[in-house]
Amino acid sequence: AHHPEDFLILFGSQAAMDRLAGEHFIRSPRFSLSMRPWSKLAHAGSGEFEYRVELELRGIPAQAWHLST
């Protein structure tokens, strides 16, 4: 499946990226291009899991178990 996030623009500076704050559209007779900040939630969904599983985590540093660290 095609996801628009397959095409990313990497900016050289925060100032350059800030010029594109919000959503922008570029249109021509042959194409239209939508530019907006990337989000890891763009194609996310929510739902309930049907199965319970036991999960074992190994090698996690002790400080990783506390939100303050």
PDB file of N, CA and C in Angstrom:
ATOM      1  N   ALA A   1       0.836  -1.188   0.000  1.00  0.00           N
ATOM      2  CA  ALA A   1       0.000   0.000   0.000  1.00  0.00           C
ATOM      3  C   ALA A   1       0.877   1.247   0.000  1.00  0.00           C
ATOM      4  N   HIS A   2       0.390   2.269  -0.616  1.00  0.00           N
ATOM      5  CA  HIS A   2       1.118   3.539  -0.664  1.00  0.00           C
ATOM      6  C   HIS A   2       0.750   4.378   0.544  1.00  0.00           C
ATOM      7  N   HIS A   3       1.748   4.870   1.208  1.00  0.00           N
ATOM      8  CA  HIS A   3       1.539   5.788   2.317  1.00  0.00           C
ATOM      9  C   HIS A   3       2.296   7.061   2.004  1.00  0.00           C
ATOM     10  N   PRO A   4       1.670   8.207   2.130  1.00  0.00           N
ATOM     11  CA  PRO A   4       2.362   9.470   1.827  1.00  0.00           C
ATOM     12  C   PRO A   4       3.647   9.656   2.610  1.00  0.00           C
ATOM     13  N   GLU A   5       3.760   9.009   3.765  1.00  0.00           N
ATOM     14  CA  GLU A   5       4.970   9.163   4.565  1.00  0.00           C
ATOM     15  C   GLU A   5       6.182   8.518   3.912  1.00  0.00           C
ATOM     16  N   ASP A   6       5.976   7.805   2.797  1.00  0.00           N
ATOM     17  CA  ASP A   6       7.108   7.221   2.088  1.00  0.00           C
ATOM     18  C   ASP A   6       7.998   8.294   1.488  1.00  0.00           C
ATOM     19  N   PHE A   7       7.522   9.514   1.430  1.00  0.00           N
ATOM     20  CA  PHE A   7       8.280  10.612   0.850  1.00  0.00           C
ATOM     21  C   PHE A   7       8.470  11.682   1.918  1.00  0.00           C
ATOM     22  N   LEU A   8       9.687  11.835   2.382  1.00  0.00           N
ATOM     23  CA  LEU A   8       9.979  12.792   3.443  1.00  0.00           C
ATOM     24  C   LEU A   8      10.917  13.868   2.937  1.00  0.00           C
ATOM     25  N   ILE A   9      10.722  15.081   3.414  1.00  0.00           N
ATOM     26  CA  ILE A   9      11.634  16.190   3.135  1.00  0.00           C
ATOM     27  C   ILE A   9      12.406  16.448   4.414  1.00  0.00           C
ATOM     28  N   LEU A  10      13.722  16.386   4.324  1.00  0.00           N
ATOM     29  CA  LEU A  10      14.568  16.668   5.479  1.00  0.00           C
ATOM     30  C   LEU A  10      15.089  18.086   5.349  1.00  0.00           C
ATOM     31  N   PHE A  11      14.791  18.922   6.334  1.00  0.00           N
ATOM     32  CA  PHE A  11      15.196  20.321   6.305  1.00  0.00           C
ATOM     33  C   PHE A  11      16.557  20.494   6.960  1.00  0.00           C
ATOM     34  N   GLY A  12      17.308  21.448   6.460  1.00  0.00           N
ATOM     35  CA  GLY A  12      18.624  21.738   7.005  1.00  0.00           C
ATOM     36  C   GLY A  12      18.584  22.548   8.278  1.00  0.00           C
ATOM     37  N   SER A  13      17.443  23.160   8.568  1.00  0.00           N
ATOM     38  CA  SER A  13      17.338  23.973   9.778  1.00  0.00           C
ATOM     39  C   SER A  13      15.891  24.020  10.243  1.00  0.00           C
ATOM     40  N   GLN A  14      15.723  24.337  11.502  1.00  0.00           N
ATOM     41  CA  GLN A  14      14.382  24.493  12.065  1.00  0.00           C
ATOM     42  C   GLN A  14      13.664  25.665  11.401  1.00  0.00           C
ATOM     43  N   ALA A  15      14.404  26.738  11.101  1.00  0.00           N
ATOM     44  CA  ALA A  15      13.799  27.921  10.474  1.00  0.00           C
ATOM     45  C   ALA A  15      13.205  27.574   9.115  1.00  0.00           C
ATOM     46  N   ALA A  16      13.899  26.772   8.332  1.00  0.00           N
ATOM     47  CA  ALA A  16      13.382  26.368   7.019  1.00  0.00           C
ATOM     48  C   ALA A  16      12.112  25.539   7.181  1.00  0.00           C
ATOM     49  N   MET A  17      12.096  24.657   8.145  1.00  0.00           N
ATOM     50  CA  MET A  17      10.910  23.843   8.379  1.00  0.00           C
ATOM     51  C   MET A  17       9.748  24.691   8.878  1.00  0.00           C
ATOM     52  N   ASP A  18      10.032  25.676   9.717  1.00  0.00           N
ATOM     53  CA  ASP A  18       8.982  26.531  10.267  1.00  0.00           C
ATOM     54  C   ASP A  18       8.238  27.304   9.185  1.00  0.00           C
ATOM     55  N   ARG A  19       8.871  27.543   8.045  1.00  0.00           N
ATOM     56  CA  ARG A  19       8.185  28.241   6.950  1.00  0.00           C
ATOM     57  C   ARG A  19       7.048  27.410   6.384  1.00  0.00           C
ATOM     58  N   LEU A  20       7.063  26.109   6.632  1.00  0.00           N
ATOM     59  CA  LEU A  20       5.987  25.238   6.164  1.00  0.00           C
ATOM     60  C   LEU A  20       5.072  24.810   7.307  1.00  0.00           C
ATOM     61  N   ALA A  21       4.957  25.627   8.326  1.00  0.00           N
ATOM     62  CA  ALA A  21       4.093  25.285   9.452  1.00  0.00           C
ATOM     63  C   ALA A  21       2.661  25.086   8.965  1.00  0.00           C
ATOM     64  N   GLY A  22       2.014  24.053   9.450  1.00  0.00           N
ATOM     65  CA  GLY A  22       0.654  23.747   9.020  1.00  0.00           C
ATOM     66  C   GLY A  22       0.661  22.932   7.738  1.00  0.00           C
ATOM     67  N   GLU A  23      -0.479  22.856   7.073  1.00  0.00           N
ATOM     68  CA  GLU A  23      -0.592  22.098   5.827  1.00  0.00           C
ATOM     69  C   GLU A  23      -0.466  23.031   4.640  1.00  0.00           C
ATOM     70  N   HIS A  24       0.212  22.554   3.598  1.00  0.00           N
ATOM     71  CA  HIS A  24       0.362  23.315   2.361  1.00  0.00           C
ATOM     72  C   HIS A  24       0.057  22.402   1.182  1.00  0.00           C
ATOM     73  N   PHE A  25      -0.518  22.976   0.143  1.00  0.00           N
ATOM     74  CA  PHE A  25      -0.843  22.218  -1.053  1.00  0.00           C
ATOM     75  C   PHE A  25      -0.186  22.873  -2.253  1.00  0.00           C
ATOM     76  N   ILE A  26       0.418  22.057  -3.093  1.00  0.00           N
ATOM     77  CA  ILE A  26       0.995  22.522  -4.350  1.00  0.00           C
ATOM     78  C   ILE A  26       0.202  21.831  -5.449  1.00  0.00           C
ATOM     79  N   ARG A  27      -0.387  22.615  -6.332  1.00  0.00           N
ATOM     80  CA  ARG A  27      -1.221  22.045  -7.395  1.00  0.00           C
ATOM     81  C   ARG A  27      -0.687  22.449  -8.757  1.00  0.00           C
ATOM     82  N   SER A  28      -0.776  21.518  -9.692  1.00  0.00           N
ATOM     83  CA  SER A  28      -0.455  21.792 -11.090  1.00  0.00           C
ATOM     84  C   SER A  28      -1.441  20.984 -11.927  1.00  0.00           C
ATOM     85  N   PRO A  29      -1.478  21.180 -13.235  1.00  0.00           N
ATOM     86  CA  PRO A  29      -2.398  20.391 -14.060  1.00  0.00           C
ATOM     87  C   PRO A  29      -2.107  18.883 -14.004  1.00  0.00           C
ATOM     88  N   ARG A  30      -0.870  18.504 -13.666  1.00  0.00           N
ATOM     89  CA  ARG A  30      -0.501  17.090 -13.711  1.00  0.00           C
ATOM     90  C   ARG A  30      -0.458  16.407 -12.343  1.00  0.00           C
ATOM     91  N   PHE A  31      -0.429  17.167 -11.258  1.00  0.00           N
ATOM     92  CA  PHE A  31      -0.356  16.546  -9.938  1.00  0.00           C
ATOM     93  C   PHE A  31      -0.774  17.536  -8.857  1.00  0.00           C
ATOM     94  N   SER A  32      -1.024  17.013  -7.686  1.00  0.00           N
ATOM     95  CA  SER A  32      -1.193  17.854  -6.503  1.00  0.00           C
ATOM     96  C   SER A  32      -0.341  17.232  -5.400  1.00  0.00           C
ATOM     97  N   LEU A  33       0.237  18.073  -4.592  1.00  0.00           N
ATOM     98  CA  LEU A  33       1.147  17.634  -3.547  1.00  0.00           C
ATOM     99  C   LEU A  33       0.714  18.268  -2.236  1.00  0.00           C
ATOM    100  N   SER A  34       0.487  17.437  -1.256  1.00  0.00           N
ATOM    101  CA  SER A  34       0.110  17.914   0.070  1.00  0.00           C
ATOM    102  C   SER A  34       1.332  17.809   0.966  1.00  0.00           C
ATOM    103  N   MET A  35       1.689  18.905   1.608  1.00  0.00           N
ATOM    104  CA  MET A  35       2.849  18.918   2.498  1.00  0.00           C
ATOM    105  C   MET A  35       2.381  19.277   3.895  1.00  0.00           C
ATOM    106  N   ARG A  36       2.714  18.417   4.856  1.00  0.00           N
ATOM    107  CA  ARG A  36       2.362  18.668   6.249  1.00  0.00           C
ATOM    108  C   ARG A  36       3.379  17.955   7.127  1.00  0.00           C
ATOM    109  N   PRO A  37       3.494  18.364   8.374  1.00  0.00           N
ATOM    110  CA  PRO A  37       4.450  17.715   9.271  1.00  0.00           C
ATOM    111  C   PRO A  37       4.148  16.226   9.414  1.00  0.00           C
ATOM    112  N   TRP A  38       5.205  15.422   9.494  1.00  0.00           N
ATOM    113  CA  TRP A  38       5.063  13.982   9.644  1.00  0.00           C
ATOM    114  C   TRP A  38       4.506  13.649  11.019  1.00  0.00           C
ATOM    115  N   SER A  39       3.702  12.619  11.078  1.00  0.00           N
ATOM    116  CA  SER A  39       3.166  12.146  12.350  1.00  0.00           C
ATOM    117  C   SER A  39       3.199  10.625  12.367  1.00  0.00           C
ATOM    118  N   LYS A  40       3.718  10.064  13.434  1.00  0.00           N
ATOM    119  CA  LYS A  40       3.731   8.607  13.538  1.00  0.00           C
ATOM    120  C   LYS A  40       2.321   8.040  13.696  1.00  0.00           C
ATOM    121  N   LEU A  41       1.343   8.892  13.945  1.00  0.00           N
ATOM    122  CA  LEU A  41      -0.039   8.451  14.109  1.00  0.00           C
ATOM    123  C   LEU A  41      -0.864   8.584  12.836  1.00  0.00           C
ATOM    124  N   ALA A  42      -0.235   8.918  11.721  1.00  0.00           N
ATOM    125  CA  ALA A  42      -0.967   9.195  10.485  1.00  0.00           C
ATOM    126  C   ALA A  42      -1.873   8.042  10.063  1.00  0.00           C
ATOM    127  N   HIS A  43      -1.425   6.824  10.169  1.00  0.00           N
ATOM    128  CA  HIS A  43      -2.236   5.671   9.770  1.00  0.00           C
ATOM    129  C   HIS A  43      -2.523   4.764  10.957  1.00  0.00           C
ATOM    130  N   ALA A  44      -2.527   5.355  12.131  1.00  0.00           N
ATOM    131  CA  ALA A  44      -2.759   4.578  13.344  1.00  0.00           C
ATOM    132  C   ALA A  44      -4.246   4.287  13.519  1.00  0.00           C
ATOM    133  N   GLY A  45      -4.504   3.249  14.202  1.00  0.00           N
ATOM    134  CA  GLY A  45      -5.878   2.893  14.513  1.00  0.00           C
ATOM    135  C   GLY A  45      -5.960   2.460  15.966  1.00  0.00           C
ATOM    136  N   SER A  46      -7.152   2.272  16.424  1.00  0.00           N
ATOM    137  CA  SER A  46      -7.306   1.807  17.796  1.00  0.00           C
ATOM    138  C   SER A  46      -8.289   0.652  17.810  1.00  0.00           C
ATOM    139  N   GLY A  47      -8.170  -0.144  18.793  1.00  0.00           N
ATOM    140  CA  GLY A  47      -9.068  -1.278  18.925  1.00  0.00           C
ATOM    141  C   GLY A  47      -8.656  -2.114  20.113  1.00  0.00           C
ATOM    142  N   GLU A  48      -9.413  -3.140  20.351  1.00  0.00           N
ATOM    143  CA  GLU A  48      -9.118  -4.028  21.464  1.00  0.00           C
ATOM    144  C   GLU A  48      -8.391  -5.258  20.950  1.00  0.00           C
ATOM    145  N   PHE A  49      -7.473  -5.747  21.755  1.00  0.00           N
ATOM    146  CA  PHE A  49      -6.796  -6.988  21.421  1.00  0.00           C
ATOM    147  C   PHE A  49      -7.676  -8.153  21.849  1.00  0.00           C
ATOM    148  N   GLU A  50      -7.698  -9.188  21.041  1.00  0.00           N
ATOM    149  CA  GLU A  50      -8.555 -10.327  21.341  1.00  0.00           C
ATOM    150  C   GLU A  50      -7.859 -11.389  22.174  1.00  0.00           C
ATOM    151  N   TYR A  51      -6.525 -11.344  22.236  1.00  0.00           N
ATOM    152  CA  TYR A  51      -5.789 -12.400  22.919  1.00  0.00           C
ATOM    153  C   TYR A  51      -4.881 -11.803  23.980  1.00  0.00           C
ATOM    154  N   ARG A  52      -4.737 -12.504  25.067  1.00  0.00           N
ATOM    155  CA  ARG A  52      -3.799 -12.100  26.113  1.00  0.00           C
ATOM    156  C   ARG A  52      -2.547 -12.951  25.952  1.00  0.00           C
ATOM    157  N   VAL A  53      -1.411 -12.299  26.110  1.00  0.00           N
ATOM    158  CA  VAL A  53      -0.145 -13.019  26.015  1.00  0.00           C
ATOM    159  C   VAL A  53       0.740 -12.619  27.187  1.00  0.00           C
ATOM    160  N   GLU A  54       1.671 -13.488  27.513  1.00  0.00           N
ATOM    161  CA  GLU A  54       2.653 -13.167  28.536  1.00  0.00           C
ATOM    162  C   GLU A  54       3.847 -12.541  27.831  1.00  0.00           C
ATOM    163  N   LEU A  55       4.291 -11.421  28.336  1.00  0.00           N
ATOM    164  CA  LEU A  55       5.390 -10.687  27.728  1.00  0.00           C
ATOM    165  C   LEU A  55       6.533 -10.601  28.722  1.00  0.00           C
ATOM    166  N   GLU A  56       7.707 -11.033  28.303  1.00  0.00           N
ATOM    167  CA  GLU A  56       8.890 -10.973  29.161  1.00  0.00           C
ATOM    168  C   GLU A  56       9.889 -10.014  28.535  1.00  0.00           C
ATOM    169  N   LEU A  57      10.306  -9.023  29.315  1.00  0.00           N
ATOM    170  CA  LEU A  57      11.284  -8.041  28.848  1.00  0.00           C
ATOM    171  C   LEU A  57      12.610  -8.321  29.534  1.00  0.00           C
ATOM    172  N   ARG A  58      13.665  -8.435  28.748  1.00  0.00           N
ATOM    173  CA  ARG A  58      14.999  -8.692  29.305  1.00  0.00           C
ATOM    174  C   ARG A  58      15.943  -7.580  28.899  1.00  0.00           C
ATOM    175  N   GLY A  59      16.901  -7.317  29.746  1.00  0.00           N
ATOM    176  CA  GLY A  59      17.942  -6.355  29.416  1.00  0.00           C
ATOM    177  C   GLY A  59      17.520  -4.902  29.519  1.00  0.00           C
ATOM    178  N   ILE A  60      16.408  -4.630  30.179  1.00  0.00           N
ATOM    179  CA  ILE A  60      15.944  -3.259  30.349  1.00  0.00           C
ATOM    180  C   ILE A  60      16.666  -2.662  31.556  1.00  0.00           C
ATOM    181  N   PRO A  61      17.382  -1.543  31.384  1.00  0.00           N
ATOM    182  CA  PRO A  61      18.068  -0.935  32.524  1.00  0.00           C
ATOM    183  C   PRO A  61      17.068  -0.539  33.617  1.00  0.00           C
ATOM    184  N   ALA A  62      17.494  -0.632  34.867  1.00  0.00           N
ATOM    185  CA  ALA A  62      16.608  -0.339  36.002  1.00  0.00           C
ATOM    186  C   ALA A  62      15.996   1.053  35.907  1.00  0.00           C
ATOM    187  N   GLN A  63      16.759   2.049  35.432  1.00  0.00           N
ATOM    188  CA  GLN A  63      16.232   3.411  35.360  1.00  0.00           C
ATOM    189  C   GLN A  63      15.127   3.551  34.308  1.00  0.00           C
ATOM    190  N   ALA A  64      15.029   2.621  33.389  1.00  0.00           N
ATOM    191  CA  ALA A  64      13.995   2.706  32.351  1.00  0.00           C
ATOM    192  C   ALA A  64      12.604   2.407  32.892  1.00  0.00           C
ATOM    193  N   TRP A  65      12.511   1.866  34.068  1.00  0.00           N
ATOM    194  CA  TRP A  65      11.217   1.530  34.644  1.00  0.00           C
ATOM    195  C   TRP A  65      10.562   2.714  35.339  1.00  0.00           C
ATOM    196  N   HIS A  66      11.217   3.856  35.380  1.00  0.00           N
ATOM    197  CA  HIS A  66      10.679   5.033  36.060  1.00  0.00           C
ATOM    198  C   HIS A  66      10.463   6.160  35.054  1.00  0.00           C
ATOM    199  N   LEU A  67       9.273   6.757  35.053  1.00  0.00           N
ATOM    200  CA  LEU A  67       8.968   7.843  34.118  1.00  0.00           C
ATOM    201  C   LEU A  67       9.899   9.034  34.288  1.00  0.00           C
ATOM    202  N   SER A  68      10.398   9.248  35.487  1.00  0.00           N
ATOM    203  CA  SER A  68      11.248  10.413  35.742  1.00  0.00           C
ATOM    204  C   SER A  68      12.605  10.316  35.049  1.00  0.00           C
ATOM    205  N   THR A  69      12.990   9.125  34.605  1.00  0.00           N
ATOM    206  CA  THR A  69      14.288   8.969  33.948  1.00  0.00           C
ATOM    207  C   THR A  69      14.075   8.752  32.479  1.00  0.00           C
TER     208      THR A  69
END
